Protein backbone atom coordinates (compact mmCIF):
# COMPACT_ATOMS: atom_id res chain seq x y z
CA UNK A 1 -22.24 -34.73 2.15
CA UNK A 2 -20.21 -37.99 1.89
CA UNK A 3 -18.67 -39.10 5.17
CA UNK A 4 -15.42 -39.96 3.37
CA UNK A 5 -14.74 -36.32 2.52
CA UNK A 6 -11.80 -34.89 4.49
CA UNK A 7 -12.63 -32.41 7.24
CA UNK A 8 -10.64 -29.67 5.50
CA UNK A 9 -12.73 -30.12 2.35
CA UNK A 10 -15.97 -29.75 4.29
CA UNK A 11 -14.66 -26.67 6.07
CA UNK A 12 -13.52 -25.15 2.77
CA UNK A 13 -16.95 -25.66 1.20
CA UNK A 14 -18.65 -24.10 4.21
CA UNK A 15 -16.26 -21.17 4.05
CA UNK A 16 -16.97 -20.74 0.33
CA UNK A 17 -20.74 -20.62 0.90
CA UNK A 18 -20.36 -18.12 3.74
CA UNK A 19 -17.97 -16.01 1.67
CA UNK A 20 -20.41 -15.91 -1.25
CA UNK A 21 -23.21 -14.87 1.09
CA UNK A 22 -21.09 -12.13 2.63
CA UNK A 23 -20.02 -10.85 -0.78
CA UNK A 24 -23.67 -10.61 -1.80
CA UNK A 25 -24.57 -8.63 1.34
CA UNK A 26 -21.59 -6.32 0.82
CA UNK A 27 -22.68 -5.60 -2.75
CA UNK A 28 -26.19 -4.75 -1.57
CA UNK A 29 -24.80 -2.42 1.12
CA UNK A 30 -22.59 -0.66 -1.44
CA UNK A 31 -25.50 -0.23 -3.87
CA UNK A 32 -27.79 1.07 -1.11
CA UNK A 33 -25.29 3.69 0.11
CA UNK A 34 -24.58 4.86 -3.45
CA UNK A 35 -28.31 5.23 -4.06
CA UNK A 36 -28.66 7.32 -0.89
CA UNK A 37 -25.80 9.57 -1.99
CA UNK A 38 -27.14 9.96 -5.54
CA UNK A 39 -30.62 10.78 -4.28
CA UNK A 40 -29.31 13.48 -1.92
CA UNK A 41 -30.30 11.65 1.26
CA UNK A 42 -26.59 11.57 2.16
CA UNK A 43 -24.75 14.79 1.31
CA UNK A 44 -21.04 15.59 1.27
CA UNK A 45 -19.73 15.76 4.83
CA UNK A 46 -22.56 13.69 6.30
CA UNK A 47 -21.39 11.00 8.68
CA UNK A 48 -22.50 7.43 8.12
CA UNK A 49 -23.44 5.10 10.96
CA UNK A 50 -20.58 3.24 12.60
CA UNK A 51 -19.77 -0.16 11.17
CA UNK A 52 -21.12 -1.74 14.35
CA UNK A 53 -24.46 0.14 14.14
CA UNK A 54 -24.82 -0.50 10.40
CA UNK A 55 -24.09 -4.19 10.88
CA UNK A 56 -26.77 -4.44 13.57
CA UNK A 57 -29.30 -2.62 11.36
CA UNK A 58 -28.64 -4.86 8.33
CA UNK A 59 -28.18 -8.07 10.24
CA UNK A 60 -24.74 -8.45 8.69
CA UNK A 61 -21.32 -9.06 10.18
CA UNK A 62 -19.20 -6.06 11.09
CA UNK A 63 -16.48 -7.47 8.80
CA UNK A 64 -18.87 -7.34 5.84
CA UNK A 65 -19.87 -3.73 6.54
CA UNK A 66 -16.23 -2.72 6.97
CA UNK A 67 -15.42 -4.29 3.61
CA UNK A 68 -18.30 -2.35 1.99
CA UNK A 69 -17.14 0.93 3.54
CA UNK A 70 -13.58 0.31 2.37
CA UNK A 71 -14.77 -0.35 -1.17
CA UNK A 72 -16.77 2.90 -1.19
CA UNK A 73 -13.70 4.69 0.14
CA UNK A 74 -11.61 3.24 -2.69
CA UNK A 75 -14.20 4.40 -5.24
CA UNK A 76 -14.22 7.92 -3.81
CA UNK A 77 -17.68 7.88 -2.30
CA UNK A 78 -16.55 7.96 1.35
CA UNK A 79 -13.65 9.38 3.33
CA UNK A 80 -12.47 7.14 6.15
CA UNK A 81 -10.11 8.33 8.89
CA UNK A 82 -8.76 6.22 11.69
CA UNK A 83 -10.89 6.48 14.84
CA UNK A 84 -13.67 8.46 13.13
CA UNK A 85 -16.89 7.58 11.39
CA UNK A 86 -16.92 7.50 7.60
CA UNK A 87 -18.19 10.66 5.89
CA UNK A 88 -19.54 11.27 2.37
CA UNK A 89 -16.77 12.57 0.14
CA UNK A 90 -16.89 16.18 -1.16
CA UNK A 91 -17.95 16.86 -4.74
CA UNK A 92 -20.93 14.51 -4.74
CA UNK A 93 -23.58 17.10 -3.96
CA UNK A 94 -26.66 17.50 -6.15
CA UNK A 95 -27.03 21.03 -7.50
CA UNK A 96 -30.13 22.99 -6.52
CA UNK A 97 -33.03 22.00 -8.76
CA UNK A 98 -31.02 19.22 -10.36
CA UNK A 99 -32.65 15.84 -10.72
CA UNK A 100 -31.03 12.97 -8.81
CA UNK A 101 -28.33 11.13 -10.71
CA UNK A 102 -29.86 8.23 -12.59
CA UNK A 103 -28.80 5.87 -15.36
CA UNK A 104 -32.26 6.07 -16.98
CA UNK A 105 -31.66 9.39 -18.77
CA UNK A 106 -28.99 9.11 -21.47
CA UNK A 107 -27.04 12.25 -22.37
CA UNK A 108 -24.99 13.34 -25.37
CA UNK A 109 -26.28 10.59 -27.62
CA UNK A 110 -25.39 10.54 -31.31
CA UNK A 111 -27.95 11.15 -34.02
CA UNK A 112 -27.81 7.42 -34.75
CA UNK A 113 -28.70 6.58 -31.13
CA UNK A 114 -31.58 9.05 -31.14
CA UNK A 115 -32.94 7.52 -34.34
CA UNK A 116 -32.79 4.11 -32.67
CA UNK A 117 -34.72 5.36 -29.64
CA UNK A 118 -37.35 6.90 -31.90
CA UNK A 119 -38.18 3.52 -33.44
CA UNK A 120 -41.30 1.71 -32.17
CA UNK A 121 -40.59 -0.39 -29.07
CA UNK A 122 -40.42 -4.15 -29.28
CA UNK A 123 -43.49 -6.12 -28.27
CA UNK A 124 -42.22 -8.74 -25.83
CA UNK A 125 -44.45 -11.78 -25.38
CA UNK A 126 -44.04 -15.02 -23.49
CA UNK A 127 -44.39 -18.31 -25.39
CA UNK A 128 -47.96 -19.57 -25.55
CA UNK A 129 -48.84 -22.84 -23.81
CA UNK A 130 -51.13 -24.29 -26.52
CA UNK A 131 -49.60 -23.07 -29.78
CA UNK A 132 -47.41 -20.10 -30.67
CA UNK A 133 -47.78 -19.16 -34.32
CA UNK A 134 -44.81 -16.79 -34.25
CA UNK A 135 -43.12 -16.77 -37.64
CA UNK A 136 -39.37 -17.40 -37.74
CA UNK A 137 -39.38 -20.13 -35.07
CA UNK A 138 -38.14 -23.63 -35.90
CA UNK A 139 -38.75 -26.91 -34.14
CA UNK A 140 -35.91 -27.87 -31.83
CA UNK A 141 -36.53 -31.50 -32.77
CA UNK A 142 -35.52 -30.74 -36.36
CA UNK A 143 -32.00 -29.60 -35.52
CA UNK A 144 -29.39 -32.09 -36.85
CA UNK A 145 -27.87 -32.82 -33.45
CA UNK A 146 -25.78 -35.83 -34.41
CA UNK A 147 -24.36 -34.29 -37.59
CA UNK A 148 -23.63 -31.03 -35.78
CA UNK A 149 -21.96 -32.86 -32.89
CA UNK A 150 -19.74 -34.90 -35.21
CA UNK A 151 -18.69 -31.85 -37.18
CA UNK A 152 -18.18 -29.82 -34.00
CA UNK A 153 -15.97 -32.47 -32.41
CA UNK A 154 -13.95 -32.71 -35.59
CA UNK A 155 -13.51 -28.94 -35.76
CA UNK A 156 -12.42 -28.74 -32.11
CA UNK A 157 -9.86 -31.51 -32.52
CA UNK A 158 -8.44 -29.81 -35.60
CA UNK A 159 -7.77 -26.53 -33.84
CA UNK A 160 -4.59 -24.85 -35.06
CA UNK A 161 -1.59 -24.51 -32.75
CA UNK A 162 -2.04 -20.74 -32.75
CA UNK A 163 -5.45 -19.15 -32.12
CA UNK A 164 -5.73 -15.98 -34.13
CA UNK A 165 -8.29 -13.64 -35.66
CA UNK A 166 -9.71 -14.82 -38.97
CA UNK A 167 -10.63 -13.19 -42.24
CA UNK A 168 -13.40 -10.58 -41.71
CA UNK A 169 -15.27 -12.01 -44.68
CA UNK A 170 -15.26 -15.49 -43.15
CA UNK A 171 -13.08 -18.53 -43.59
CA UNK A 172 -12.09 -19.22 -47.18
CA UNK A 173 -13.09 -22.87 -46.78
CA UNK A 174 -16.65 -21.92 -45.79
CA UNK A 175 -16.97 -19.34 -48.54
CA UNK A 176 -15.77 -21.88 -51.08
CA UNK A 177 -18.27 -24.46 -49.82
CA UNK A 178 -21.07 -21.88 -49.90
CA UNK A 179 -20.16 -20.91 -53.44
CA UNK A 180 -20.82 -24.47 -54.59
CA UNK A 181 -23.99 -24.80 -52.54
CA UNK A 182 -25.46 -21.52 -53.85
CA UNK A 183 -24.76 -22.59 -57.43
CA UNK A 184 -26.45 -25.96 -56.91
CA UNK A 185 -29.42 -24.74 -54.88
CA UNK A 186 -30.11 -21.22 -56.20
CA UNK A 187 -28.24 -20.87 -59.49
CA UNK A 188 -26.03 -18.09 -58.11
CA UNK A 189 -22.71 -17.65 -59.89
CA UNK A 190 -20.10 -15.90 -57.74
CA UNK A 191 -16.56 -16.21 -56.43
CA UNK A 192 -15.65 -16.92 -52.79
CA UNK A 193 -14.32 -13.34 -52.60
CA UNK A 194 -17.85 -12.02 -53.15
CA UNK A 195 -19.21 -13.85 -50.09
CA UNK A 196 -19.23 -12.25 -46.63
CA UNK A 197 -20.14 -14.39 -43.61
CA UNK A 198 -22.23 -12.39 -41.14
CA UNK A 199 -23.88 -12.91 -37.75
CA UNK A 200 -27.31 -13.55 -39.17
CA UNK A 201 -28.98 -11.73 -42.05
CA UNK A 202 -29.81 -8.81 -39.76
CA UNK A 203 -26.12 -7.91 -39.51
CA UNK A 204 -25.94 -8.16 -43.28
CA UNK A 205 -28.76 -5.64 -43.60
CA UNK A 206 -27.04 -3.36 -41.09
CA UNK A 207 -23.84 -3.42 -43.15
CA UNK A 208 -25.86 -2.57 -46.28
CA UNK A 209 -27.51 0.35 -44.48
CA UNK A 210 -24.21 1.78 -43.19
CA UNK A 211 -22.38 1.40 -46.49
CA UNK A 212 -25.07 2.41 -48.98
CA UNK A 213 -27.10 5.12 -47.24
CA UNK A 214 -26.33 8.58 -45.93
CA UNK A 215 -28.77 10.47 -43.66
CA UNK A 216 -31.62 11.79 -45.77
CA UNK A 217 -31.21 9.26 -48.59
CA UNK A 218 -34.46 7.61 -49.73
CA UNK A 219 -34.81 3.84 -49.84
CA UNK A 220 -37.57 1.77 -51.41
CA UNK A 221 -39.17 -0.83 -49.17
CA UNK A 222 -42.12 -3.15 -49.64
CA UNK A 223 -45.41 -2.23 -47.97
CA UNK A 224 -46.18 -4.26 -45.95
CA UNK A 225 -42.68 -5.49 -45.28
CA UNK A 226 -40.07 -6.73 -42.86
CA UNK A 227 -40.00 -4.35 -39.89
CA UNK A 228 -36.38 -4.92 -38.88
CA UNK A 229 -35.23 -4.11 -42.40
CA UNK A 230 -37.20 -0.87 -42.38
CA UNK A 231 -35.79 -0.05 -38.95
CA UNK A 232 -32.16 -0.76 -39.81
CA UNK A 233 -32.26 1.49 -42.88
CA UNK A 234 -34.11 4.21 -40.96
CA UNK A 235 -31.59 4.01 -38.12
CA UNK A 236 -28.84 4.77 -40.66
CA UNK A 237 -30.74 7.95 -41.52
CA UNK A 238 -32.52 6.68 -44.62
CA UNK A 239 -36.00 7.91 -45.53
CA UNK A 240 -38.44 5.09 -46.22
CA UNK A 241 -40.39 5.21 -49.46
CA UNK A 242 -43.04 2.48 -49.06
CA UNK A 243 -44.16 0.81 -52.28
CA UNK A 244 -47.25 -1.41 -52.28
CA UNK A 245 -47.18 -5.11 -53.10
CA UNK A 246 -49.74 -7.45 -54.57
CA UNK A 247 -49.89 -11.13 -55.55
CA UNK A 248 -46.98 -10.60 -57.96
CA UNK A 249 -44.77 -8.91 -55.34
CA UNK A 250 -43.45 -5.35 -55.41
CA UNK A 251 -45.30 -3.06 -57.77
CA UNK A 252 -42.70 -1.65 -60.16
CA UNK A 253 -44.92 0.58 -62.30
CA UNK A 254 -44.06 3.80 -60.44
CA UNK A 255 -40.82 3.36 -58.50
CA UNK A 256 -39.42 6.65 -57.17
CA UNK A 257 -35.73 7.65 -57.25
CA UNK A 258 -33.80 6.08 -54.36
CA UNK A 259 -30.35 4.91 -53.29
CA UNK A 260 -31.42 1.31 -52.74
CA UNK A 261 -34.42 -0.99 -52.76
CA UNK A 262 -35.00 -3.74 -50.21
CA UNK A 263 -37.07 -6.62 -51.58
CA UNK A 264 -38.06 -10.21 -50.77
CA UNK A 265 -38.78 -11.37 -54.35
CA UNK A 266 -38.86 -15.15 -53.83
CA UNK A 267 -41.43 -15.00 -51.03
CA UNK A 268 -42.61 -11.49 -50.25
CA UNK A 269 -42.67 -10.94 -46.51
CA UNK A 270 -45.30 -11.17 -45.17
CA UNK A 271 -47.92 -11.62 -47.90
CA UNK A 272 -46.09 -14.36 -49.79
CA UNK A 273 -46.23 -13.14 -53.40
CA UNK A 274 -43.48 -14.14 -55.84
CA UNK A 275 -42.05 -11.29 -57.91
CA UNK A 276 -43.00 -11.93 -61.53
CA UNK A 277 -40.45 -12.13 -64.33
CA UNK A 278 -41.73 -8.89 -65.85
CA UNK A 279 -41.38 -7.02 -62.58
CA UNK A 280 -37.94 -8.49 -61.94
CA UNK A 281 -36.68 -7.00 -65.18
CA UNK A 282 -38.45 -3.71 -64.45
CA UNK A 283 -36.85 -3.52 -61.01
CA UNK A 284 -33.37 -4.16 -62.42
CA UNK A 285 -33.93 -1.54 -65.13
CA UNK A 286 -35.01 0.98 -62.46
CA UNK A 287 -31.88 0.27 -60.42
CA UNK A 288 -29.66 0.79 -63.48
CA UNK A 289 -31.35 4.08 -64.32
CA UNK A 290 -31.29 5.33 -60.72
CA UNK A 291 -27.76 4.13 -59.96
CA UNK A 292 -29.23 2.18 -57.04
CA UNK A 293 -28.45 -1.16 -55.46
CA UNK A 294 -31.04 -3.84 -54.78
CA UNK A 295 -30.84 -5.71 -51.47
CA UNK A 296 -32.42 -9.12 -52.11
CA UNK A 297 -33.42 -10.91 -48.91
CA UNK A 298 -33.88 -14.60 -49.71
CA UNK A 299 -34.76 -15.43 -46.10
CA UNK A 300 -36.49 -18.76 -46.77
CA UNK A 301 -35.37 -19.61 -50.29
CA UNK A 302 -34.96 -23.32 -49.47
CA UNK A 303 -38.72 -23.84 -49.08
CA UNK A 304 -40.78 -24.34 -52.22
CA UNK A 305 -43.90 -26.45 -51.79
CA UNK A 306 -46.10 -26.35 -54.86
CA UNK A 307 -43.87 -24.46 -57.28
CA UNK A 308 -40.40 -24.85 -58.73
CA UNK A 309 -37.57 -22.75 -57.24
CA UNK A 310 -37.53 -19.19 -58.54
CA UNK A 311 -34.08 -17.94 -59.68
CA UNK A 312 -32.92 -15.04 -57.51
CA UNK A 313 -32.45 -11.51 -58.82
CA UNK A 314 -28.72 -11.86 -58.24
CA UNK A 315 -28.57 -14.47 -61.01
CA UNK A 316 -29.87 -11.81 -63.44
CA UNK A 317 -27.56 -8.94 -62.42
CA UNK A 318 -24.62 -9.70 -60.12
CA UNK A 319 -23.36 -6.09 -60.31
CA UNK A 320 -26.55 -4.50 -59.00
CA UNK A 321 -27.93 -7.01 -56.49
CA UNK A 322 -26.68 -7.73 -52.97
CA UNK A 323 -27.95 -11.19 -52.06
CA UNK A 324 -28.75 -11.85 -48.38
CA UNK A 325 -28.97 -15.45 -47.16
CA UNK A 326 -29.38 -17.01 -43.75
CA UNK A 327 -29.08 -20.30 -41.90
CA UNK A 328 -31.77 -19.22 -39.42
CA UNK A 329 -34.55 -20.91 -41.39
CA UNK A 330 -32.72 -24.19 -41.99
CA UNK A 331 -30.54 -24.80 -38.92
CA UNK A 332 -31.45 -22.43 -36.10
CA UNK A 333 -32.00 -18.70 -35.51
CA UNK A 334 -29.89 -19.08 -32.35
CA UNK A 335 -26.72 -19.78 -34.36
CA UNK A 336 -26.67 -16.28 -35.89
CA UNK A 337 -25.09 -17.37 -39.16
CA UNK A 338 -25.83 -15.70 -42.47
CA UNK A 339 -24.05 -14.54 -45.59
CA UNK A 340 -24.00 -11.87 -48.26
CA UNK A 341 -23.10 -12.18 -51.92
CA UNK A 342 -21.94 -8.70 -52.90
CA UNK A 343 -20.92 -7.21 -56.24
CA UNK A 344 -17.16 -7.50 -56.76
CA UNK A 345 -16.73 -3.73 -56.54
CA UNK A 346 -18.18 -3.67 -53.00
CA UNK A 347 -16.07 -6.47 -51.55
CA UNK A 348 -13.45 -4.31 -49.85
CA UNK A 349 -16.00 -1.94 -48.32
CA UNK A 350 -18.00 -4.80 -46.83
CA UNK A 351 -14.88 -6.60 -45.63
CA UNK A 352 -13.59 -3.52 -43.79
CA UNK A 353 -17.00 -2.74 -42.31
CA UNK A 354 -17.29 -6.30 -41.03
CA UNK A 355 -13.78 -6.13 -39.52
CA UNK A 356 -14.62 -2.94 -37.63
CA UNK A 357 -17.96 -4.30 -36.45
CA UNK A 358 -16.85 -7.54 -34.80
CA UNK A 359 -13.67 -8.78 -36.55
CA UNK A 360 -15.41 -11.86 -37.94
CA UNK A 361 -18.18 -14.37 -37.24
CA UNK A 362 -17.34 -17.15 -34.71
CA UNK A 363 -14.79 -19.47 -36.28
CA UNK A 364 -15.93 -22.73 -34.65
CA UNK A 365 -19.42 -22.43 -36.10
CA UNK A 366 -17.92 -21.55 -39.47
CA UNK A 367 -15.76 -24.69 -39.38
CA UNK A 368 -18.74 -26.84 -38.40
CA UNK A 369 -20.90 -25.44 -41.20
CA UNK A 370 -18.06 -25.97 -43.67
CA UNK A 371 -17.91 -29.64 -42.74
CA UNK A 372 -21.70 -30.02 -43.07
CA UNK A 373 -21.63 -28.43 -46.54
CA UNK A 374 -18.62 -30.39 -47.82
CA UNK A 375 -19.90 -33.73 -46.50
CA UNK A 376 -23.38 -33.23 -47.94
CA UNK A 377 -24.96 -33.42 -44.46
CA UNK A 378 -26.39 -29.90 -44.76
CA UNK A 379 -28.22 -30.59 -48.00
CA UNK A 380 -29.56 -33.87 -46.64
CA UNK A 381 -30.83 -31.94 -43.62
CA UNK A 382 -32.48 -29.32 -45.86
CA UNK A 383 -34.28 -32.02 -47.84
CA UNK A 384 -35.48 -33.59 -44.59
CA UNK A 385 -36.85 -30.43 -43.00
CA UNK A 386 -38.37 -29.36 -46.31
CA UNK A 387 -40.50 -32.52 -46.19
CA UNK A 388 -41.35 -32.05 -42.52
CA UNK A 389 -42.40 -28.44 -42.97
CA UNK A 390 -44.44 -29.30 -46.05
CA UNK A 391 -46.32 -31.79 -43.83
CA UNK A 392 -46.84 -29.13 -41.14
CA UNK A 393 -48.12 -26.75 -43.80
CA UNK A 394 -50.67 -29.29 -44.95
CA UNK A 395 -51.84 -29.85 -41.37
CA UNK A 396 -52.26 -26.10 -40.83
CA UNK A 397 -54.13 -25.53 -44.09
CA UNK A 398 -56.43 -28.49 -43.39
CA UNK A 399 -57.13 -27.26 -39.86
CA UNK A 400 -57.94 -23.74 -41.11
CA UNK A 401 -60.34 -25.19 -43.67
CA UNK A 402 -61.98 -27.55 -41.18
CA UNK A 403 -62.46 -24.98 -38.41
CA UNK A 404 -62.93 -21.72 -40.32
CA UNK A 405 -64.06 -22.74 -43.81
CA UNK A 406 -65.03 -19.80 -46.01
CA UNK A 407 -64.47 -17.28 -43.21
CA UNK A 408 -60.70 -17.38 -43.77
CA UNK A 409 -58.68 -16.55 -46.89
CA UNK A 410 -55.11 -17.91 -46.89
CA UNK A 411 -52.31 -16.17 -48.79
CA UNK A 412 -48.65 -16.99 -49.35
CA UNK A 413 -48.90 -20.74 -48.78
CA UNK A 414 -46.91 -21.84 -51.85
CA UNK A 415 -43.52 -21.06 -50.35
CA UNK A 416 -41.80 -20.32 -47.05
CA UNK A 417 -42.65 -21.21 -43.46
CA UNK A 418 -45.69 -19.06 -42.76
CA UNK A 419 -49.05 -18.15 -44.23
CA UNK A 420 -51.24 -15.08 -43.89
CA UNK A 421 -54.79 -15.76 -42.76
CA UNK A 422 -57.27 -13.00 -43.61
CA UNK A 423 -60.39 -13.18 -41.44
CA UNK A 424 -63.33 -12.41 -43.70
CA UNK A 425 -65.95 -10.24 -42.07
CA UNK A 426 -63.74 -9.17 -39.13
CA UNK A 427 -62.57 -5.55 -39.09
CA UNK A 428 -58.89 -4.74 -38.62
CA UNK A 429 -59.78 -2.71 -35.52
CA UNK A 430 -60.57 -5.98 -33.73
CA UNK A 431 -57.03 -7.35 -34.11
CA UNK A 432 -55.79 -6.22 -30.67
CA UNK A 433 -58.79 -7.76 -28.90
CA UNK A 434 -58.41 -11.02 -30.81
CA UNK A 435 -54.68 -11.18 -30.05
CA UNK A 436 -55.33 -10.60 -26.33
CA UNK A 437 -58.12 -13.18 -26.18
CA UNK A 438 -56.01 -15.75 -28.04
CA UNK A 439 -53.09 -15.13 -25.70
CA UNK A 440 -55.34 -15.63 -22.69
CA UNK A 441 -56.46 -18.94 -24.23
CA UNK A 442 -52.85 -20.05 -24.76
CA UNK A 443 -52.36 -19.19 -28.43
CA UNK A 444 -49.77 -16.75 -29.74
CA UNK A 445 -51.16 -14.73 -32.64
CA UNK A 446 -49.46 -11.99 -34.67
CA UNK A 447 -51.36 -9.40 -36.76
CA UNK A 448 -50.31 -8.22 -40.21
CA UNK A 449 -51.28 -4.56 -39.78
CA UNK A 450 -48.15 -3.45 -37.81
CA UNK A 451 -46.05 -4.42 -40.85
CA UNK A 452 -47.67 -1.72 -42.97
CA UNK A 453 -46.07 1.70 -43.13
CA UNK A 454 -47.94 3.89 -40.63
CA UNK A 455 -48.30 6.69 -43.20
CA UNK A 456 -50.04 4.44 -45.73
CA UNK A 457 -53.57 2.96 -45.77
CA UNK A 458 -54.03 -0.51 -44.29
CA UNK A 459 -56.50 -3.25 -45.25
CA UNK A 460 -59.84 -3.08 -43.50
CA UNK A 461 -59.85 -6.83 -42.78
CA UNK A 462 -58.09 -8.43 -39.82
CA UNK A 463 -55.19 -10.61 -40.84
CA UNK A 464 -52.64 -12.74 -38.99
CA UNK A 465 -49.24 -14.17 -39.87
CA UNK A 466 -49.16 -17.81 -38.88
CA UNK A 467 -45.80 -19.54 -38.68
CA UNK A 468 -45.90 -23.32 -38.50
CA UNK A 469 -42.27 -24.54 -38.56
CA UNK A 470 -41.93 -24.56 -34.78
CA UNK A 471 -45.07 -26.62 -34.05
CA UNK A 472 -46.00 -30.27 -34.29
CA UNK A 473 -49.21 -31.50 -35.90
CA UNK A 474 -51.17 -31.72 -32.66
CA UNK A 475 -50.23 -28.20 -31.57
CA UNK A 476 -51.22 -26.86 -34.99
CA UNK A 477 -54.66 -28.49 -34.80
CA UNK A 478 -55.28 -27.41 -31.20
CA UNK A 479 -54.09 -23.88 -31.92
CA UNK A 480 -56.44 -23.44 -34.87
CA UNK A 481 -59.34 -24.91 -32.86
CA UNK A 482 -58.74 -22.37 -30.08
CA UNK A 483 -58.41 -19.59 -32.66
CA UNK A 484 -61.77 -20.54 -34.18
CA UNK A 485 -63.42 -20.24 -30.76
CA UNK A 486 -61.77 -16.86 -30.13
CA UNK A 487 -62.87 -15.53 -33.52
CA UNK A 488 -66.44 -16.70 -32.96
CA UNK A 489 -66.51 -14.70 -29.73
CA UNK A 490 -65.00 -11.56 -31.27
CA UNK A 491 -66.90 -11.11 -34.52
């Protein structure tokens, strides 16, 4: 501590530290006494130890214990009378045979909440130290820091005199800029009024589920497919109708009646097929006959490596298709910025649903993105990371060939930011053991089989989704080398 600091400043800092410590002890005392009351160890009318005795037992000051007792008195847990020890307040008894009060057992949940709790639990995993092939990750080094900082500073300095809620659909300036970008990059013709800015594509899917499905309504979904899409439609009460996919995407030869179909036609997730022109027309014809909407998730539409960009379904039928786009695969998944292009007749419904959900997406990020789009910085960034990820893809494919040769079959490499590696000669039942062994060796590996509908047959061969956009060349090579060793030990 500098000697030049005034004595009062030093004393104030010491007091602040002591006060923080005392507050922490008081909170622990309050939590401990509440737990004893809830568990039945302290019952109504029971006397608590004196503040002096409690302070000695906890090694705390009497002032801290007194403050804790007073707080519990204010909350109705204790009754304190002058000159007497505190007692547990009446009405807090646990009925005979009743389980102790706990926050772990929810009561009176809605049907929606119960459907959420019935979904499979998330598999939480720590990042791997050698290479994590988790799909959806981007490299932090690719983020356009300087361009984002310039645009952010400009947006902050241009803040309006009055801070107010914005348009639920998003700022008009951003929607206008996106309209031009979508026309240039994807051939989508729409008006700014058809665009809804959302907090990531997942919120867009949630809005589609709430607005287009009632409990019991069937929805078509690719099998295998994106789990969080299946879950969000199921949580709304929809009944999944899994439809198989092949190298040409969703099979449209026998589509059942449904209220909507969720598809990833430009790069089927996870297998990577591109929906053929014939099937695109068949899918649109089915939707017209069934009176259904198509939710088109173009999650990584900016990445085309060996093929020309495929026009989206929305460009063929703007009245039937809801187009879902995201910035998570070009800027960062942490920004939570996405957008919908909805048929004109659905605009008001989506706008009101967005307003009730969270008013609108964060305005500062919208202003920054607007500046990046208008200035051309965003498209320059997309061209740059497209080249970088094409290079990463080549490194991964070369490493798989060098280390695994004919024992691996790669699918879905023409587009997107991941590939699927099928391990020839290794049964699907060995996936869990391979994942565990790879994790122990420092490699994050993610099997394909959980993305298949549990009621439908799964391939007999082990397969893994390998994302490469978050890794550098060295990590990709080392990760595949470790994977080759793990596979050799688990055949």
